[in-house]
Every structure is written in structure tokens, then in C-alpha cells.
């Protein structure tokens, strides 16, 4: 590594490779500063991987390529390997079942070559995928029924990191390069519905104060995912090879059903009946592949952690030892039994750097109907491993899509965009620049905290006016720039 200085940050891509003990020690020394940062979909925390001995090498932290240790990509009958067809078939199966299945439930229905897979084997596979690889399997909530609106912000010419850190409701950050060669920042937020006006005012103020050159705010709906069958497109050495016919119609049908549902941002009835789930359980979804691991993490914090959120009528009947955890567990099981009412779908999230030749690309495109939007997402998904769609709030207009195709599929995707884009504004496309993301990212850029929810009155603690005041105060401290 020479004399290079490494600053651990959140990144969208993790390159897995062994590294020296000095590098490992430097990562772990940084850990206390960032313990409060919660991982969310699309992000893996490097230090979490450092603790598991899956470490990022500075020299290989680059966009579009990675080198996996042999134990992850080569077959050996005694160990679990990420790209083994049996593992990929399991992940495909999980992505196409509208439920969050536990290992015992999977064992009842999932077979390989006509043979069942034992519960013990499934737990071992999940442990490998979660602890050593960082792959996540979780149910994705309907954020609108948690009272949260999804908002995308595209920023150019940010002159201070404070602009991106003042509003601690972000869950995604990356630096991208547009087709014009100019960099821009993409940030995604979950914002309480009553506070959207203040959030828009925040970015208008940032422009007025010349803290950013541009800040385009786009209200979008929940993120929907389309997965190609992993075992058909990923080779055993981690390369992505797209065949002629990829069948992703399951996700197109699911997406159509979801879009037919009435979309409104409010606290759903099931959440009103189980409000303690939000600050206590949901923060663990992105970290664990099974309920068993979630409850182990909750129990580790103790009942006192649960009771501090149980105020007023919520606290009645929970004072008896063990009662609070039993109630939470019961309510969680009830939510999972009503999966479609509270969750969009199960997600199998791949850290993009796991695949040797995949790239990260995003675009904002205008389509003239929901059906054409679904068709575009479907056709893009057939050229990618994972495709994420953020529909516009209205029946037409801009939507956001990001995906991780192999590089040789990019020309086809660009042609598709040209065929489907139907707006007066230009098509916006970005390629992720991981080096710039690594250099500029700070934990506060993705500071969304589930514990900002108050179960006693079903509200989120959003301090919009304070964020704007911080913005004004930062003018005196502005120096340098980001993108």
C-alpha cells in the first residue's frame, strides 16, 4: 500500500481481498467513531467487514472490477462458496417468494436436484453469506406506510460537506459521472411526509446561499427490485454472462400489482397497532438474514432498551420480566403473516463489488405511462443482475432506475433508454465513481436513524428549521468542494 493514507468510509462497492495486518488494525482503530452508523440497503460498512476479516484493499477499491479470494469463487466440497450453483439457486428461490422465509420454512419447500436441504445446512449457508460475504436477505418495508416519503436529490457543485450532512435522514450516497463528463452527487432520503415542504426549502436555501450550484429534488415512490435468476447469469468464478433469454416476468407482474395499490404516505394500521417494531426491530433488518439473528441482536440490548420507547399506554403490561420481548416477537410474527400489507418484497442484495465485471449505472428517465415504465424496468433487468426502480409519484413523469449490468450490456441499455424516454427534459445518466465516493463520503451522509420514531405518538422527530439554521451557519465555514 506504500505511503497511501486510507480513510474508512461508506461505499456502494466492496472489493473483497486479503490484506495486511497493519491495514486491518488501522480499520479497527477507526471503529469507535462510526459505531452509531446504521447500514442500509445499498451500503456495507467497511469496518463491519474488517471485523469479519473481509477487508478492502485500497489499491483494489475501484469501480467495475474486484478480486475475490479463492475460497469464495472456487468449488470445494468441504466449504461453502458464494458462486456455487446451489447457493445461487437458493438466492433466486428466495427472491421469488413473496415472504421472508426462515431456514425451517425454506427446508420444507426448497429442493436441489429433487433432494431437500436440511435446516442445519441452510443456517450454515446463511451464516456464510451474512458474516463472511456481507450479502443481505431481508423484507423491504413499504416506507410510505411508515410515514416516510422517498426523495432523490441530484447535486452539483456542493461546496461544503455540511450541506450533505445537516439532514440526518439520508440512506444512500454516491458520486457519479454524467455523460457530459461532469460529476454529481446522488443522495436518497426517507423524509416524514409532513416535513417534505421544509426539506425542499432546505435545498432551495442551499442554492440561494451558493452552497451548491444545483440541487434537483425528485419525489419518488418506494424502491422496487427486479432480480435475474442468479444461477443462469453468474459463473462460478464471479463473472456475469447474460444469456439471450432471461425470464424476469415474475417481477414485472409483482411490480404491476404494487403500482395498482393506492399510494399515500401515512402510518399504516398494522404499524399503529405495533409501533414499537419501528425503532427496535427495523434497524436490524438490513444486517441479518433471519429472524433468529434479529432476535439475538435485540436480546443483546436487553429489555431496558425496549422499555425506554414504551411510554404511556404502551408501557402498561410490559413491566413483568420478559413480557416486552414476547410482545415484540408476537407483533413481528403478525406483521410477517400479513407480508403484502407491510412489505414490498424480499430483497437479496448483492454488494456490487462481488461480481467481477458488473458496473453500477443509474438514470432518471421520463416515461408516459406506468405500463411503459414497467416494460422498461423489465427489459433493463434482463441485462443486469439487480435492477432497482423508483417510480415517480404521479402516473407519468420521471422515474429513477439503477442497475449493475456487465459492461458489455451498457450499449443495449442506452438504446433502451433512448426508445423509452419521452420527456422534454434531458435523460440523466450516471456511472458510479467509487474512488470519488470513497474520497468524499462521510458517515453522516447516510445517517438515517430508526430510533427517531416516537412510538407513543406515531411521529418522526424531524428538526427541519434546525437543519436550515445549520445550513446558514455553515456558510462561514465553507471551503473546497465535493462535486
Foldseek 3Di string as FASTA:
>chain_A
DPPDDADFFKFLFAAFDADDPVVLVVLQVCPVVQVQFFADFSIDGQSLQSVLRGHGDPVQLFFFFHAHDCQQQDDDPVDDHCLDLVNLQVVLVQQLDFFQDQLVRCQVPDDDPPHGDDSVVVVRSQCCCQRNANWAKFFAWQLLQLQWWKKKKKFAWQQDVLLLQLFQFWNDWFWWAWPVRGIIIIIMGTHRPVCPVLVVVLQVLCCVLVNTVDMDMATFGDKAKFFWSSSVAAHSRQAGHFDPDTDRVSRLVLVVVVVVDDDHRYNDPLCLVVVLCQQQQPSCRSRGSHVVVSLVVSCVVPCVVSQVLQDDPSNPPVPPPPNSSVVNVVSVVVCSVVSVVTGSGIDGHHSLNSHGFWFKKKKKAWADAPSLVSVLQVVVNSQFRMKMKTHGPDGTTIIMMMGIGGPVCVVVNVVSRVVGHDDPDDMIMTTTTRVLCSVPHDSSSNRRHSNQARSVVSDGDGDSVVSSVVSVVCSVVGHGTRD
